Amino acid sequence: MNRSRLSVWLQAFRPFSYTASIIPVFLGAALAYGNPETQWRLLPFVLAASLAIHAGTNLVNEYFDFLKGVDRPDTRGGSRVLPEGLLTPGAVLKAGLICFALTALLGLWFVQLRGRPILLLGLIGMAGGFFYTGFPFFLKYRGFGDPMVFVLMGPLMVIGSFYVLTGTYSHSVLWVSLPVGCLVAAILSANNLRDIEDDTRAGIQTTACLLGFRLAKLEYAALVLAAFGITAVLIILNILPALSLLVLLTAPLAVCNLRSVLRSGNCQPIETLDRKTAALHLTFGVLLILSILLNKTG
């Protein structure tokens, strides 16, 4: 059955994963709500920049994972457009670079509006996104993937969104970004757990490969539990409102995920753990954002 070009490119872009970059932007926006300096006209452009850098990172990752032999016809990772011959490696890399160029254009506009701090945040974000799997650093393949994703799609995105919208920085924004950072890192941890055997055969060292399966399972559990623990501490310190206890509604999903990973003796029982963790990240993030907005409007 012939597929349309559009459906193939949608597969390559992996739009289902973009909640991981949408949640940090709206968390930054929720924290900016009520600030008289907030320029809400910028929010759609902040969201566009976040999605563009996420898309660019996905596509560059596709290219280098295929080049490195990480994504092959017999493996499970990535969008599969390159192992299945649906697109050429050059086309995927070019699309990724176009996404980075779009991010850079929006970033330069933000710098003009808000000054040099945004330039620094933007450069860190773009460098991290490209060199995550890109030449010459290949950071994902050297065990730096999980901490990088924690920083880039947690604190960096939340702080960057808040700063573009308000032109200011607050330490509380950093602290509130930490639970979301933990859960987005947990998505990657789950993905790496699933692929640990394939990645080892490909000769790369993800965080999970470096830790080994047993310790990598504990890392996943620690990230999930830390999201709830940090939220509780922030409530006690009055950095988050008591309404943020709403995130406990996601505890059953978290417990289900933890049971599946801690009881697994091999990679097969955690085949869908990355998607289940993405669902946890989304629902947790939405409830956290909602609690902040309800507290500010109540």
Protein backbone atom coordinates (compact mmCIF):
# COMPACT_ATOMS: atom_id res chain seq x y z
CA MET A 1 0.00 0.00 0.00
CA ASN A 2 1.47 3.35 -1.07
CA ARG A 3 1.63 5.98 1.63
CA SER A 4 1.42 9.73 1.15
CA ARG A 5 4.55 11.81 1.55
CA LEU A 6 2.84 13.74 4.34
CA SER A 7 2.15 10.63 6.42
CA VAL A 8 5.77 9.52 6.06
CA TRP A 9 7.06 12.89 7.24
CA LEU A 10 4.61 12.89 10.14
CA GLN A 11 6.08 9.54 11.14
CA ALA A 12 9.57 11.02 10.95
CA PHE A 13 8.66 14.09 13.04
CA ARG A 14 7.09 11.93 15.80
CA PRO A 15 4.50 14.53 16.88
CA PHE A 16 3.23 12.26 19.69
CA SER A 17 6.43 13.10 21.59
CA TYR A 18 5.91 16.88 21.55
CA THR A 19 3.99 16.99 24.82
CA ALA A 20 7.45 16.75 26.39
CA SER A 21 8.22 20.26 25.10
CA ILE A 22 4.69 21.69 25.29
CA ILE A 23 4.32 21.10 29.04
CA PRO A 24 7.46 23.09 30.03
CA VAL A 25 6.32 26.07 27.91
CA PHE A 26 2.88 26.18 29.49
CA LEU A 27 4.37 25.67 32.94
CA GLY A 28 6.54 28.75 32.35
CA ALA A 29 3.43 30.59 31.12
CA ALA A 30 1.44 29.56 34.21
CA LEU A 31 4.20 30.91 36.43
CA ALA A 32 4.16 34.15 34.40
CA TYR A 33 0.39 34.53 34.82
CA GLY A 34 -0.44 37.62 36.84
CA ASN A 35 2.94 39.24 36.19
CA PRO A 36 2.23 42.75 34.84
CA GLU A 37 5.29 42.52 32.55
CA THR A 38 4.03 39.41 30.76
CA GLN A 39 3.64 39.80 26.99
CA TRP A 40 1.14 37.12 26.03
CA ARG A 41 1.50 37.85 22.31
CA LEU A 42 4.87 36.07 22.53
CA LEU A 43 3.47 32.77 23.83
CA PRO A 44 2.63 31.26 20.39
CA PHE A 45 6.15 32.07 19.20
CA VAL A 46 7.74 30.58 22.32
CA LEU A 47 5.72 27.43 21.72
CA ALA A 48 6.76 27.40 18.04
CA ALA A 49 10.44 27.70 18.99
CA SER A 50 10.10 24.90 21.52
CA LEU A 51 8.43 22.59 19.00
CA ALA A 52 10.94 23.48 16.29
CA ILE A 53 13.96 22.62 18.43
CA HIS A 54 12.28 19.41 19.58
CA ALA A 55 11.53 18.44 15.97
CA GLY A 56 15.07 19.31 14.90
CA THR A 57 16.52 17.21 17.70
CA ASN A 58 14.27 14.27 16.77
CA LEU A 59 15.32 14.40 13.11
CA VAL A 60 19.03 14.83 13.77
CA ASN A 61 18.75 11.95 16.24
CA GLU A 62 17.10 9.84 13.52
CA TYR A 63 19.97 10.60 11.14
CA PHE A 64 22.84 9.82 13.50
CA ASP A 65 21.16 6.77 15.07
CA PHE A 66 20.79 5.32 11.58
CA LEU A 67 24.35 6.28 10.65
CA LYS A 68 25.70 4.67 13.83
CA GLY A 69 23.74 1.47 13.27
CA VAL A 70 21.58 2.07 16.34
CA ASP A 71 18.37 2.05 14.27
CA ARG A 72 18.30 -1.03 12.05
CA PRO A 73 15.50 -3.11 10.50
CA ASP A 74 15.65 -5.50 13.48
CA THR A 75 15.56 -2.84 16.24
CA ARG A 76 12.65 -0.94 17.82
CA GLY A 77 13.85 2.63 18.34
CA GLY A 78 13.19 5.81 16.37
CA SER A 79 10.46 6.55 13.86
CA ARG A 80 11.66 3.74 11.51
CA VAL A 81 11.58 5.95 8.39
CA LEU A 82 15.28 5.35 7.66
CA PRO A 83 15.59 1.62 8.44
CA GLU A 84 12.46 1.04 6.36
CA GLY A 85 13.78 3.16 3.48
CA LEU A 86 10.83 5.57 3.54
CA LEU A 87 13.12 8.63 3.46
CA THR A 88 16.77 9.22 2.66
CA PRO A 89 19.24 10.12 5.43
CA GLY A 90 20.11 13.38 3.65
CA ALA A 91 16.47 14.48 3.52
CA VAL A 92 15.99 13.78 7.24
CA LEU A 93 19.15 15.67 8.21
CA LYS A 94 18.18 18.62 6.00
CA ALA A 95 14.73 18.78 7.61
CA GLY A 96 16.34 18.73 11.04
CA LEU A 97 18.68 21.59 10.16
CA ILE A 98 15.75 23.62 8.80
CA CYS A 99 14.01 23.18 12.16
CA PHE A 100 17.13 24.41 13.95
CA ALA A 101 17.32 27.39 11.58
CA LEU A 102 13.70 28.29 12.39
CA THR A 103 14.50 28.06 16.10
CA ALA A 104 17.50 30.34 15.58
CA LEU A 105 15.40 32.96 13.76
CA LEU A 106 12.82 33.03 16.53
CA GLY A 107 15.59 33.06 19.10
CA LEU A 108 17.25 36.11 17.54
CA TRP A 109 13.93 37.95 17.74
CA PHE A 110 13.62 36.99 21.42
CA VAL A 111 17.17 38.27 22.01
CA GLN A 112 16.24 41.59 20.41
CA LEU A 113 13.24 41.83 22.74
CA ARG A 114 14.73 40.48 25.97
CA GLY A 115 18.50 40.79 25.71
CA ARG A 116 21.57 38.60 26.11
CA PRO A 117 20.27 36.12 28.74
CA ILE A 118 17.99 34.66 26.06
CA LEU A 119 20.96 34.37 23.69
CA LEU A 120 22.79 32.24 26.27
CA LEU A 121 19.74 30.05 26.96
CA GLY A 122 19.11 29.65 23.23
CA LEU A 123 22.68 28.68 22.43
CA ILE A 124 22.69 26.10 25.21
CA GLY A 125 19.38 24.68 23.97
CA MET A 126 20.41 24.47 20.32
CA ALA A 127 23.86 23.07 21.06
CA GLY A 128 22.37 20.50 23.42
CA GLY A 129 19.72 19.49 20.89
CA PHE A 130 22.15 19.03 18.01
CA PHE A 131 25.09 17.50 19.88
CA TYR A 132 22.74 15.15 21.74
CA THR A 133 23.55 12.70 18.95
CA GLY A 134 25.36 14.99 16.51
CA PHE A 135 29.01 15.17 15.47
CA PRO A 136 31.52 15.63 17.09
CA PHE A 137 30.31 15.07 20.66
CA PHE A 138 27.63 12.35 20.30
CA LEU A 139 26.57 12.99 23.91
CA LYS A 140 23.77 10.43 23.99
CA TYR A 141 26.20 7.71 22.93
CA ARG A 142 28.53 8.59 25.83
CA GLY A 143 26.01 8.31 28.65
CA PHE A 144 25.00 11.97 28.94
CA GLY A 145 21.50 11.64 27.46
CA ASP A 146 19.42 11.47 30.64
CA PRO A 147 21.01 14.45 32.45
CA MET A 148 20.94 16.49 29.23
CA VAL A 149 17.24 15.89 28.66
CA PHE A 150 16.55 16.72 32.31
CA VAL A 151 18.24 20.12 31.92
CA LEU A 152 17.15 20.99 28.39
CA MET A 153 13.47 19.99 28.63
CA GLY A 154 13.06 20.82 32.29
CA PRO A 155 14.72 23.92 33.78
CA LEU A 156 15.99 25.39 30.49
CA MET A 157 12.61 25.35 28.70
CA VAL A 158 10.61 26.50 31.73
CA ILE A 159 13.04 29.30 32.60
CA GLY A 160 13.39 30.29 28.93
CA SER A 161 9.62 30.47 28.44
CA PHE A 162 9.14 32.51 31.62
CA TYR A 163 11.98 34.86 30.70
CA VAL A 164 10.77 35.52 27.16
CA LEU A 165 7.24 36.20 28.42
CA THR A 166 8.20 38.42 31.36
CA GLY A 167 11.76 39.63 30.76
CA THR A 168 12.62 38.52 34.32
CA TYR A 169 14.05 35.54 36.20
CA SER A 170 12.93 34.02 39.50
CA HIS A 171 14.56 31.23 41.50
CA SER A 172 11.09 29.80 42.15
CA VAL A 173 10.75 29.12 38.41
CA LEU A 174 13.87 26.96 38.58
CA TRP A 175 12.58 24.96 41.56
CA VAL A 176 9.14 24.40 40.02
CA SER A 177 10.72 23.14 36.79
CA LEU A 178 12.50 20.27 38.57
CA PRO A 179 9.59 17.76 38.84
CA VAL A 180 8.83 18.16 35.12
CA GLY A 181 12.53 17.73 34.35
CA CYS A 182 12.59 14.50 36.35
CA LEU A 183 9.65 13.05 34.44
CA VAL A 184 10.92 14.01 30.99
CA ALA A 185 14.25 12.36 31.89
CA ALA A 186 12.25 9.33 33.01
CA ILE A 187 10.75 9.08 29.50
CA LEU A 188 14.25 8.79 28.05
CA SER A 189 15.28 6.41 30.83
CA ALA A 190 12.36 4.15 29.93
CA ASN A 191 13.26 4.34 26.23
CA ASN A 192 16.88 3.44 26.97
CA LEU A 193 15.79 0.54 29.19
CA ARG A 194 13.75 -0.88 26.32
CA ASP A 195 16.66 -0.49 23.88
CA ILE A 196 19.53 -1.48 26.17
CA GLU A 197 20.32 -4.71 24.32
CA ASP A 198 20.10 -3.11 20.85
CA ASP A 199 22.23 -0.14 21.95
CA THR A 200 24.87 -2.42 23.47
CA ARG A 201 25.09 -4.39 20.21
CA ALA A 202 25.46 -1.10 18.31
CA GLY A 203 28.45 -0.21 20.48
CA ILE A 204 27.00 2.93 22.05
CA GLN A 205 26.79 3.81 25.74
CA THR A 206 23.48 5.34 26.77
CA THR A 207 22.96 6.11 30.46
CA ALA A 208 21.15 2.78 30.81
CA CYS A 209 24.01 0.90 29.13
CA LEU A 210 26.53 2.48 31.50
CA LEU A 211 24.44 1.67 34.56
CA GLY A 212 23.40 -1.81 33.52
CA PHE A 213 19.81 -3.05 33.50
CA ARG A 214 19.40 -3.38 37.28
CA LEU A 215 20.74 0.08 38.17
CA ALA A 216 18.98 1.65 35.19
CA LYS A 217 15.66 0.37 36.58
CA LEU A 218 16.50 2.03 39.90
CA GLU A 219 17.39 5.26 38.08
CA TYR A 220 13.97 5.24 36.43
CA ALA A 221 12.25 4.68 39.77
CA ALA A 222 14.30 7.45 41.41
CA LEU A 223 13.31 9.96 38.69
CA VAL A 224 9.60 9.20 39.03
CA LEU A 225 9.66 9.29 42.83
CA ALA A 226 11.73 12.48 42.80
CA ALA A 227 9.03 14.28 40.80
CA PHE A 228 6.52 13.65 43.59
CA GLY A 229 9.05 14.20 46.39
CA ILE A 230 10.26 17.54 45.04
CA THR A 231 6.67 18.70 44.55
CA ALA A 232 5.90 17.87 48.19
CA VAL A 233 8.96 19.80 49.38
CA LEU A 234 8.03 22.82 47.25
CA ILE A 235 4.54 22.80 48.78
CA ILE A 236 5.99 22.67 52.30
CA LEU A 237 8.29 25.61 51.42
CA ASN A 238 5.32 27.57 49.98
CA ILE A 239 6.97 27.71 46.56
CA LEU A 240 4.02 25.74 45.19
CA PRO A 241 0.44 26.08 46.47
CA ALA A 242 -1.26 23.31 48.44
CA LEU A 243 -3.45 22.83 45.35
CA SER A 244 -0.44 21.24 43.68
CA LEU A 245 -1.33 18.10 45.64
CA LEU A 246 -3.54 17.55 42.59
CA VAL A 247 -0.53 15.81 41.02
CA LEU A 248 -1.21 12.91 43.40
CA LEU A 249 -4.05 11.98 41.05
CA THR A 250 -1.32 10.60 38.79
CA ALA A 251 0.05 8.35 41.56
CA PRO A 252 -1.82 5.21 40.33
CA LEU A 253 -0.22 5.57 36.89
CA ALA A 254 3.19 6.15 38.48
CA VAL A 255 2.80 3.08 40.71
CA CYS A 256 1.76 0.97 37.71
CA ASN A 257 4.85 2.08 35.81
CA LEU A 258 7.13 1.45 38.77
CA ARG A 259 5.73 -2.03 39.28
CA SER A 260 6.22 -2.95 35.64
CA VAL A 261 9.83 -1.81 35.57
CA LEU A 262 10.94 -3.07 38.98
CA ARG A 263 9.40 -6.51 38.43
CA SER A 264 10.83 -6.92 34.93
CA GLY A 265 13.61 -9.44 34.52
CA ASN A 266 14.36 -8.54 30.90
CA CYS A 267 13.48 -5.83 28.39
CA GLN A 268 10.27 -7.38 27.08
CA PRO A 269 7.86 -6.46 29.94
CA ILE A 270 8.73 -2.75 29.60
CA GLU A 271 8.13 -2.48 25.85
CA THR A 272 5.63 0.39 26.22
CA LEU A 273 7.09 1.98 29.35
CA ASP A 274 8.31 5.06 27.47
CA ARG A 275 4.80 5.88 26.21
CA LYS A 276 3.28 5.21 29.63
CA THR A 277 5.86 7.52 31.18
CA ALA A 278 5.07 10.18 28.58
CA ALA A 279 1.42 9.89 29.65
CA LEU A 280 2.50 10.34 33.28
CA HIS A 281 4.58 13.40 32.36
CA LEU A 282 1.63 14.92 30.47
CA THR A 283 -1.01 14.36 33.15
CA PHE A 284 1.32 15.37 35.98
CA GLY A 285 2.32 18.51 34.06
CA VAL A 286 -1.28 19.48 33.24
CA LEU A 287 -2.35 19.08 36.88
CA LEU A 288 0.66 21.07 38.10
CA ILE A 289 -0.11 23.89 35.65
CA LEU A 290 -3.78 23.81 36.60
CA SER A 291 -2.97 24.03 40.31
CA ILE A 292 -0.80 27.10 39.76
CA LEU A 293 -3.45 28.85 37.66
CA LEU A 294 -6.26 27.98 40.09
CA ASN A 295 -4.22 29.36 42.98
CA LYS A 296 -3.57 32.61 41.11
CA THR A 297 -7.17 33.10 40.05
CA GLY A 298 -8.84 31.86 43.25
